[in-house]
């Protein structure tokens, strides 16, 4: 196993790479969420007017 000397510079570099990974993971998750939300609205939009109409008839 390779020993790593811990200096402020190596700690900063490690923190920087860890933060970059977190940011990229967050971007991927946000992109998936937006895609899924859009897909949901595309699927639900044709049925929504019929649902509203049926609710108005019941009231």
N, C-alpha and C. Protein backbone atom coordinates (compact mmCIF):
# COMPACT_ATOMS: atom_id res chain seq x y z
N UNK A 1 0.83 -1.16 0.00
CA UNK A 1 0.00 0.00 0.00
C UNK A 1 0.88 1.24 0.00
N UNK A 2 0.50 2.21 -0.78
CA UNK A 2 1.31 3.42 -0.90
C UNK A 2 0.93 4.41 0.20
N UNK A 3 1.94 4.94 0.88
CA UNK A 3 1.69 5.93 1.92
C UNK A 3 1.58 7.32 1.28
N UNK A 4 0.62 8.10 1.73
CA UNK A 4 0.43 9.45 1.21
C UNK A 4 0.74 10.44 2.32
N UNK A 5 1.60 11.38 1.99
CA UNK A 5 1.92 12.41 2.97
C UNK A 5 0.79 13.43 2.97
N UNK A 6 0.25 13.68 4.14
CA UNK A 6 -0.88 14.59 4.24
C UNK A 6 -0.39 16.01 4.48
N UNK A 7 -0.57 16.82 3.46
CA UNK A 7 -0.23 18.24 3.58
C UNK A 7 -1.49 19.02 3.24
N UNK A 8 -1.52 20.29 3.54
CA UNK A 8 -2.71 21.09 3.18
C UNK A 8 -3.01 21.05 1.68
N UNK A 9 -1.97 20.98 0.86
CA UNK A 9 -2.17 20.93 -0.59
C UNK A 9 -2.85 19.64 -1.00
N UNK A 10 -2.38 18.50 -0.48
CA UNK A 10 -3.00 17.23 -0.85
C UNK A 10 -4.44 17.16 -0.33
N UNK A 11 -4.67 17.70 0.85
CA UNK A 11 -6.03 17.72 1.40
C UNK A 11 -6.94 18.57 0.52
N UNK A 12 -6.45 19.72 0.08
CA UNK A 12 -7.25 20.59 -0.79
C UNK A 12 -7.53 19.92 -2.12
N UNK A 13 -6.55 19.24 -2.68
CA UNK A 13 -6.76 18.53 -3.95
C UNK A 13 -7.78 17.43 -3.79
N UNK A 14 -7.69 16.68 -2.69
CA UNK A 14 -8.66 15.61 -2.45
C UNK A 14 -10.07 16.18 -2.30
N UNK A 15 -10.18 17.25 -1.54
CA UNK A 15 -11.48 17.89 -1.32
C UNK A 15 -12.04 18.41 -2.64
N UNK A 16 -11.18 18.95 -3.47
CA UNK A 16 -11.60 19.49 -4.76
C UNK A 16 -12.13 18.38 -5.66
N UNK A 17 -11.44 17.25 -5.72
CA UNK A 17 -11.90 16.15 -6.57
C UNK A 17 -13.19 15.55 -6.02
N UNK A 18 -13.30 15.46 -4.69
CA UNK A 18 -14.51 14.92 -4.09
C UNK A 18 -15.69 15.84 -4.37
N UNK A 19 -15.48 17.14 -4.30
CA UNK A 19 -16.54 18.10 -4.57
C UNK A 19 -16.96 18.04 -6.05
N UNK A 20 -15.99 17.90 -6.94
CA UNK A 20 -16.30 17.79 -8.36
C UNK A 20 -17.16 16.57 -8.62
N UNK A 21 -16.85 15.47 -7.97
CA UNK A 21 -17.64 14.25 -8.13
C UNK A 21 -19.05 14.46 -7.62
N UNK A 22 -19.20 15.11 -6.46
CA UNK A 22 -20.53 15.36 -5.91
C UNK A 22 -21.35 16.26 -6.81
N UNK A 23 -20.72 17.29 -7.36
CA UNK A 23 -21.42 18.22 -8.24
C UNK A 23 -21.88 17.50 -9.50
N UNK A 24 -21.02 16.69 -10.08
CA UNK A 24 -21.41 15.98 -11.30
C UNK A 24 -22.52 14.98 -11.01
N UNK A 25 -22.46 14.31 -9.86
CA UNK A 25 -23.54 13.38 -9.49
C UNK A 25 -24.85 14.12 -9.29
N UNK A 26 -24.79 15.31 -8.68
CA UNK A 26 -25.99 16.11 -8.48
C UNK A 26 -26.58 16.54 -9.82
N UNK A 27 -25.72 16.95 -10.74
CA UNK A 27 -26.20 17.37 -12.06
C UNK A 27 -26.89 16.21 -12.78
N UNK A 28 -26.30 15.02 -12.69
CA UNK A 28 -26.91 13.84 -13.33
C UNK A 28 -28.27 13.53 -12.70
N UNK A 29 -28.35 13.60 -11.39
CA UNK A 29 -29.61 13.32 -10.69
C UNK A 29 -30.67 14.36 -11.04
N UNK A 30 -30.27 15.61 -11.10
CA UNK A 30 -31.22 16.68 -11.45
C UNK A 30 -31.73 16.50 -12.87
N UNK A 31 -30.84 16.14 -13.76
CA UNK A 31 -31.23 15.91 -15.16
C UNK A 31 -32.23 14.75 -15.26
N UNK A 32 -31.97 13.67 -14.53
CA UNK A 32 -32.90 12.53 -14.53
C UNK A 32 -34.25 12.93 -13.96
N UNK A 33 -34.25 13.72 -12.90
CA UNK A 33 -35.49 14.16 -12.27
C UNK A 33 -36.31 15.02 -13.23
N UNK A 34 -35.65 15.94 -13.92
CA UNK A 34 -36.36 16.81 -14.87
C UNK A 34 -36.93 15.99 -16.02
N UNK A 35 -36.16 15.03 -16.52
CA UNK A 35 -36.65 14.16 -17.60
C UNK A 35 -37.87 13.36 -17.14
N UNK A 36 -37.80 12.81 -15.94
CA UNK A 36 -38.91 12.01 -15.42
C UNK A 36 -40.14 12.88 -15.21
N UNK A 37 -39.96 14.11 -14.74
CA UNK A 37 -41.09 15.01 -14.53
C UNK A 37 -41.75 15.35 -15.86
N UNK A 38 -40.93 15.65 -16.86
CA UNK A 38 -41.48 15.95 -18.19
C UNK A 38 -42.22 14.75 -18.76
N UNK A 39 -41.65 13.57 -18.59
CA UNK A 39 -42.29 12.35 -19.07
C UNK A 39 -43.63 12.15 -18.37
N UNK A 40 -43.68 12.42 -17.07
CA UNK A 40 -44.92 12.30 -16.31
C UNK A 40 -46.00 13.23 -16.87
N UNK A 41 -45.63 14.50 -17.11
CA UNK A 41 -46.60 15.45 -17.63
C UNK A 41 -47.06 15.10 -19.03
N UNK A 42 -46.18 14.56 -19.84
CA UNK A 42 -46.57 14.15 -21.19
C UNK A 42 -47.58 13.01 -21.12
N UNK A 43 -47.38 12.10 -20.18
CA UNK A 43 -48.28 10.96 -20.05
C UNK A 43 -49.62 11.39 -19.45
N UNK A 44 -49.59 12.27 -18.46
CA UNK A 44 -50.80 12.63 -17.73
C UNK A 44 -51.64 13.68 -18.47
N UNK A 45 -51.01 14.51 -19.30
CA UNK A 45 -51.73 15.63 -19.90
C UNK A 45 -52.94 15.22 -20.75
N UNK A 46 -52.93 14.13 -21.51
CA UNK A 46 -54.15 13.79 -22.25
C UNK A 46 -55.30 13.36 -21.34
N UNK A 47 -55.01 12.78 -20.20
CA UNK A 47 -56.05 12.28 -19.32
C UNK A 47 -56.57 13.35 -18.36
N UNK A 48 -55.82 14.39 -18.11
CA UNK A 48 -56.21 15.38 -17.11
C UNK A 48 -57.52 16.11 -17.42
N UNK A 49 -57.74 16.57 -18.65
CA UNK A 49 -59.02 17.24 -18.94
C UNK A 49 -60.24 16.34 -18.69
N UNK A 50 -60.11 15.06 -19.02
CA UNK A 50 -61.20 14.12 -18.78
C UNK A 50 -61.44 13.96 -17.28
N UNK A 51 -60.38 13.94 -16.50
CA UNK A 51 -60.50 13.81 -15.06
C UNK A 51 -61.22 15.03 -14.47
N UNK A 52 -60.82 16.21 -14.91
CA UNK A 52 -61.44 17.44 -14.41
C UNK A 52 -62.92 17.47 -14.78
N UNK A 53 -63.22 17.07 -15.99
CA UNK A 53 -64.62 17.05 -16.44
C UNK A 53 -65.45 16.09 -15.61
N UNK A 54 -64.91 14.92 -15.33
CA UNK A 54 -65.66 13.94 -14.53
C UNK A 54 -65.86 14.44 -13.10
N UNK A 55 -64.88 15.16 -12.56
CA UNK A 55 -65.03 15.71 -11.22
C UNK A 55 -66.10 16.81 -11.18
N UNK A 56 -66.21 17.58 -12.25
CA UNK A 56 -67.20 18.65 -12.31
C UNK A 56 -68.61 18.04 -12.40
N UNK A 57 -68.74 16.93 -13.10
CA UNK A 57 -70.03 16.27 -13.22
C UNK A 57 -70.51 15.73 -11.86
N UNK A 58 -69.56 15.24 -11.04
CA UNK A 58 -69.90 14.68 -9.75
C UNK A 58 -70.35 15.76 -8.76
N UNK A 59 -69.79 16.93 -8.89
CA UNK A 59 -70.10 18.02 -7.93
C UNK A 59 -71.43 18.66 -8.16
